[in-house]
N, C-alpha and C. Protein backbone atom coordinates (compact mmCIF):
# COMPACT_ATOMS: atom_id res chain seq x y z
N MET A 1 -17.74 40.44 -5.25
CA MET A 1 -17.18 38.95 -4.31
C MET A 1 -18.38 38.72 -3.27
N ARG A 2 -18.49 37.23 -3.08
CA ARG A 2 -19.70 37.13 -2.51
C ARG A 2 -19.30 35.69 -1.62
N ILE A 3 -19.78 35.88 -0.05
CA ILE A 3 -19.72 35.04 0.52
C ILE A 3 -20.69 33.94 1.19
N SER A 4 -20.99 32.73 1.08
CA SER A 4 -21.80 31.87 1.65
C SER A 4 -21.51 30.94 2.45
N TYR A 5 -22.45 30.82 3.54
CA TYR A 5 -21.96 29.75 4.75
C TYR A 5 -23.13 28.94 5.10
N ASP A 6 -23.03 27.54 5.08
CA ASP A 6 -23.86 26.63 5.11
C ASP A 6 -23.07 25.84 6.77
N PRO A 7 -24.43 26.56 8.18
CA PRO A 7 -23.85 25.91 9.15
C PRO A 7 -23.96 24.77 9.50
N ASP A 8 -25.05 24.05 8.74
CA ASP A 8 -25.43 22.37 8.79
C ASP A 8 -24.01 21.85 8.79
N ALA A 9 -23.01 21.92 7.26
CA ALA A 9 -22.10 21.56 7.22
C ALA A 9 -20.38 22.29 7.37
N ASP A 10 -21.02 23.27 8.06
CA ASP A 10 -20.00 24.44 8.28
C ASP A 10 -18.72 24.45 7.48
N VAL A 11 -19.61 24.94 6.09
CA VAL A 11 -18.66 25.17 5.04
C VAL A 11 -18.93 26.65 4.46
N MET A 12 -17.80 27.19 4.39
CA MET A 12 -18.01 28.73 3.57
C MET A 12 -17.38 28.44 2.25
N TYR A 13 -18.20 29.33 1.41
CA TYR A 13 -17.80 29.57 0.01
C TYR A 13 -17.54 30.91 -0.62
N LEU A 14 -16.30 31.18 -1.25
CA LEU A 14 -15.99 32.83 -1.54
C LEU A 14 -15.91 32.58 -2.96
N TYR A 15 -16.96 33.30 -3.42
CA TYR A 15 -17.26 33.59 -4.79
C TYR A 15 -16.14 34.79 -5.24
N LEU A 16 -15.61 34.38 -6.39
CA LEU A 16 -14.22 35.31 -6.21
C LEU A 16 -14.68 36.35 -7.77
N ASN A 17 -15.71 35.97 -8.21
CA ASN A 17 -16.09 36.84 -9.47
C ASN A 17 -16.92 37.91 -9.11
N ASP A 18 -18.14 37.99 -9.98
CA ASP A 18 -19.11 39.02 -9.39
C ASP A 18 -20.54 38.41 -8.71
N GLY A 19 -20.21 37.32 -8.04
CA GLY A 19 -21.02 36.82 -7.40
C GLY A 19 -21.95 35.66 -7.65
N ARG A 20 -21.83 35.58 -9.02
CA ARG A 20 -22.70 34.57 -9.83
C ARG A 20 -21.91 33.28 -9.36
N ASP A 21 -22.90 31.96 -9.50
CA ASP A 21 -22.21 30.79 -9.53
C ASP A 21 -21.14 30.44 -10.37
N PRO A 22 -20.25 30.19 -10.03
CA PRO A 22 -18.98 30.07 -11.14
C PRO A 22 -19.15 29.14 -11.72
N GLU A 23 -18.50 28.61 -13.34
CA GLU A 23 -18.68 28.08 -14.02
C GLU A 23 -17.32 26.95 -13.73
N VAL A 24 -17.01 25.94 -12.97
CA VAL A 24 -16.12 25.30 -12.33
C VAL A 24 -15.62 24.40 -13.38
N ASP A 25 -14.28 24.52 -13.90
CA ASP A 25 -13.77 23.40 -14.66
C ASP A 25 -12.94 22.38 -13.99
N HIS A 26 -12.15 22.80 -12.91
CA HIS A 26 -11.49 21.93 -11.98
C HIS A 26 -11.25 22.51 -10.64
N SER A 27 -11.24 21.78 -9.79
CA SER A 27 -10.55 22.02 -8.72
C SER A 27 -9.50 21.44 -7.88
N VAL A 28 -9.05 22.19 -7.35
CA VAL A 28 -7.24 21.61 -6.55
C VAL A 28 -7.24 21.83 -4.84
N GLU A 29 -7.19 20.72 -4.13
CA GLU A 29 -6.83 20.79 -2.75
C GLU A 29 -5.70 21.90 -2.48
N LEU A 30 -5.92 22.80 -1.72
CA LEU A 30 -4.76 23.23 -1.52
C LEU A 30 -4.30 22.98 0.13
N GLY A 31 -2.86 22.31 0.01
CA GLY A 31 -2.49 21.95 1.28
C GLY A 31 -3.02 20.48 1.20
N MET A 32 -2.71 19.79 2.84
CA MET A 32 -3.44 18.82 2.95
C MET A 32 -5.19 18.27 2.72
N GLU A 33 -5.70 17.37 2.42
CA GLU A 33 -7.03 17.19 2.52
C GLU A 33 -7.51 17.68 3.89
N SER A 34 -7.06 17.19 5.02
CA SER A 34 -7.68 17.11 6.33
C SER A 34 -7.52 19.18 6.38
N GLU A 35 -6.97 19.57 5.46
CA GLU A 35 -7.31 21.09 6.19
C GLU A 35 -8.34 21.97 5.56
N GLY A 36 -8.91 21.19 4.44
CA GLY A 36 -10.40 21.55 3.85
C GLY A 36 -10.36 22.67 3.32
N LEU A 37 -9.21 23.03 2.57
CA LEU A 37 -9.50 24.19 1.64
C LEU A 37 -9.34 23.61 0.18
N THR A 38 -10.15 24.18 -0.55
CA THR A 38 -10.25 23.68 -2.20
C THR A 38 -10.54 25.30 -3.06
N ALA A 39 -9.82 25.16 -4.22
CA ALA A 39 -9.86 26.30 -4.93
C ALA A 39 -10.48 25.60 -6.46
N ASP A 40 -11.06 26.51 -6.93
CA ASP A 40 -12.24 26.08 -7.89
C ASP A 40 -11.65 27.04 -9.20
N PHE A 41 -11.48 26.39 -10.29
CA PHE A 41 -11.01 27.21 -11.37
C PHE A 41 -12.03 27.34 -12.50
N ASP A 42 -11.75 28.07 -13.47
CA ASP A 42 -12.72 28.03 -14.75
C ASP A 42 -11.75 27.45 -15.80
N HIS A 43 -12.44 27.35 -16.98
CA HIS A 43 -11.82 27.00 -18.08
C HIS A 43 -10.47 27.71 -18.48
N ALA A 44 -10.59 28.97 -18.22
CA ALA A 44 -9.10 29.70 -18.29
C ALA A 44 -7.85 29.59 -17.62
N GLY A 45 -8.15 28.76 -16.06
CA GLY A 45 -7.45 28.78 -15.22
C GLY A 45 -7.53 29.78 -14.41
N HIS A 46 -8.41 30.65 -14.09
CA HIS A 46 -8.75 31.54 -12.94
C HIS A 46 -9.42 31.03 -11.64
N VAL A 47 -9.06 31.52 -10.66
CA VAL A 47 -9.29 31.22 -9.45
C VAL A 47 -11.00 31.50 -9.41
N VAL A 48 -11.91 30.77 -9.43
CA VAL A 48 -13.12 31.58 -9.34
C VAL A 48 -13.76 31.49 -7.96
N GLY A 49 -13.08 30.38 -7.15
CA GLY A 49 -14.11 30.25 -5.74
C GLY A 49 -13.28 29.46 -5.00
N LEU A 50 -13.39 29.85 -3.62
CA LEU A 50 -12.64 29.16 -2.68
C LEU A 50 -13.56 28.33 -1.87
N GLU A 51 -13.16 27.15 -1.34
CA GLU A 51 -14.31 26.51 -0.26
C GLU A 51 -13.75 26.23 0.71
N VAL A 52 -14.24 26.52 2.07
CA VAL A 52 -13.63 26.36 3.07
C VAL A 52 -14.27 25.33 4.00
N GLN A 53 -13.92 24.15 4.32
CA GLN A 53 -14.62 23.61 5.33
C GLN A 53 -13.98 24.00 6.74
N PHE A 54 -14.86 23.55 7.84
CA PHE A 54 -14.51 23.75 9.20
C PHE A 54 -14.10 25.22 9.45
N ALA A 55 -15.25 25.97 8.92
CA ALA A 55 -14.99 27.29 8.77
C ALA A 55 -15.13 28.06 10.46
N SER A 56 -15.97 27.47 11.17
CA SER A 56 -16.46 28.28 12.71
C SER A 56 -15.13 27.50 13.23
N ARG A 57 -14.22 26.82 13.02
CA ARG A 57 -13.02 26.44 13.70
C ARG A 57 -11.96 27.29 13.29
N ARG A 58 -12.01 27.76 11.81
CA ARG A 58 -11.23 28.97 11.30
C ARG A 58 -11.36 30.40 11.89
N PHE A 59 -12.55 30.59 11.48
CA PHE A 59 -12.93 32.26 12.10
C PHE A 59 -13.86 32.34 13.31
N GLY A 60 -14.34 31.34 14.01
CA GLY A 60 -14.97 31.56 15.22
C GLY A 60 -16.27 32.13 15.21
N ALA A 61 -16.41 32.54 15.87
CA ALA A 61 -18.17 33.19 15.96
C ALA A 61 -18.18 34.83 15.10
N ALA A 62 -17.34 35.11 14.78
CA ALA A 62 -17.02 36.23 13.58
C ALA A 62 -17.41 36.01 12.61
N GLY A 63 -17.45 34.53 11.92
CA GLY A 63 -17.90 34.19 10.72
C GLY A 63 -17.57 34.71 9.52
N PRO A 64 -18.37 35.02 8.35
CA PRO A 64 -18.19 35.56 7.23
C PRO A 64 -17.18 36.81 7.24
N ASP A 65 -17.58 37.73 8.11
CA ASP A 65 -17.27 38.93 8.22
C ASP A 65 -15.91 38.95 8.02
N GLN A 66 -15.45 38.27 9.43
CA GLN A 66 -13.98 38.13 9.77
C GLN A 66 -12.82 37.02 8.34
N ALA A 67 -13.55 36.59 8.05
CA ALA A 67 -13.06 35.53 7.29
C ALA A 67 -12.35 36.49 5.76
N LEU A 68 -13.68 37.37 5.64
CA LEU A 68 -13.09 38.20 4.37
C LEU A 68 -12.06 39.27 5.00
N VAL A 69 -12.19 39.88 6.23
CA VAL A 69 -11.48 40.56 6.59
C VAL A 69 -9.67 40.05 6.37
N GLU A 70 -9.81 38.70 7.18
CA GLU A 70 -8.32 37.97 6.96
C GLU A 70 -8.00 37.56 5.82
N ILE A 71 -8.95 37.09 4.83
CA ILE A 71 -8.38 36.85 3.43
C ILE A 71 -7.77 38.16 2.69
N LEU A 72 -8.65 39.27 2.77
CA LEU A 72 -8.04 40.34 2.25
C LEU A 72 -6.93 40.72 2.53
N SER A 73 -6.25 40.60 3.97
CA SER A 73 -5.15 40.86 4.44
C SER A 73 -3.99 40.07 4.71
N GLY A 74 -4.56 39.06 3.70
CA GLY A 74 -3.17 37.93 3.85
C GLY A 74 -3.22 36.87 4.45
N ARG A 75 -4.11 36.92 5.61
CA ARG A 75 -3.78 36.89 6.98
C ARG A 75 -4.97 34.99 7.42
N PHE A 76 -4.89 34.49 6.18
CA PHE A 76 -5.77 33.25 5.90
C PHE A 76 -5.50 32.47 6.98
N PRO A 77 -6.69 31.99 7.94
CA PRO A 77 -6.00 31.10 9.34
C PRO A 77 -5.68 29.95 8.56
N THR A 78 -4.92 29.08 9.54
CA THR A 78 -4.63 27.40 9.39
C THR A 78 -5.65 26.72 9.95
N SER A 79 -5.90 25.87 9.83
CA SER A 79 -6.56 24.62 10.23
C SER A 79 -6.53 24.32 12.02
N ASP A 80 -5.45 24.52 12.13
CA ASP A 80 -4.91 24.42 13.86
C ASP A 80 -5.09 25.41 14.56
N ARG A 81 -5.88 26.58 13.82
CA ARG A 81 -6.08 27.85 14.81
C ARG A 81 -6.84 27.83 15.64
N PRO A 82 -6.95 27.75 16.93
CA PRO A 82 -8.32 27.96 17.34
C PRO A 82 -9.23 28.75 17.34
N ALA A 83 -10.57 28.17 17.40
CA ALA A 83 -11.85 29.32 17.50
C ALA A 83 -11.65 30.10 18.32
N ALA A 84 -12.38 31.60 17.84
CA ALA A 84 -12.34 32.67 18.77
C ALA A 84 -13.41 32.78 19.87
């Protein structure tokens, strides 16, 4: 797994494969569009990446390290959670 973060766009991307750029067949918005969560799928239907918009609001100053901890623990923050 690899995490990238673009501070200008405030977007985090989680690569759920071996860290290479995934071959995305299609994407699905998770929840409402305003939540800013998108799952990318390969041609076989496997999730290969997650795009997280508004990342600083979700994870605060802890950034990608805290994101990984929360995602792996199953406590992915919602968009209305205040920044740390």
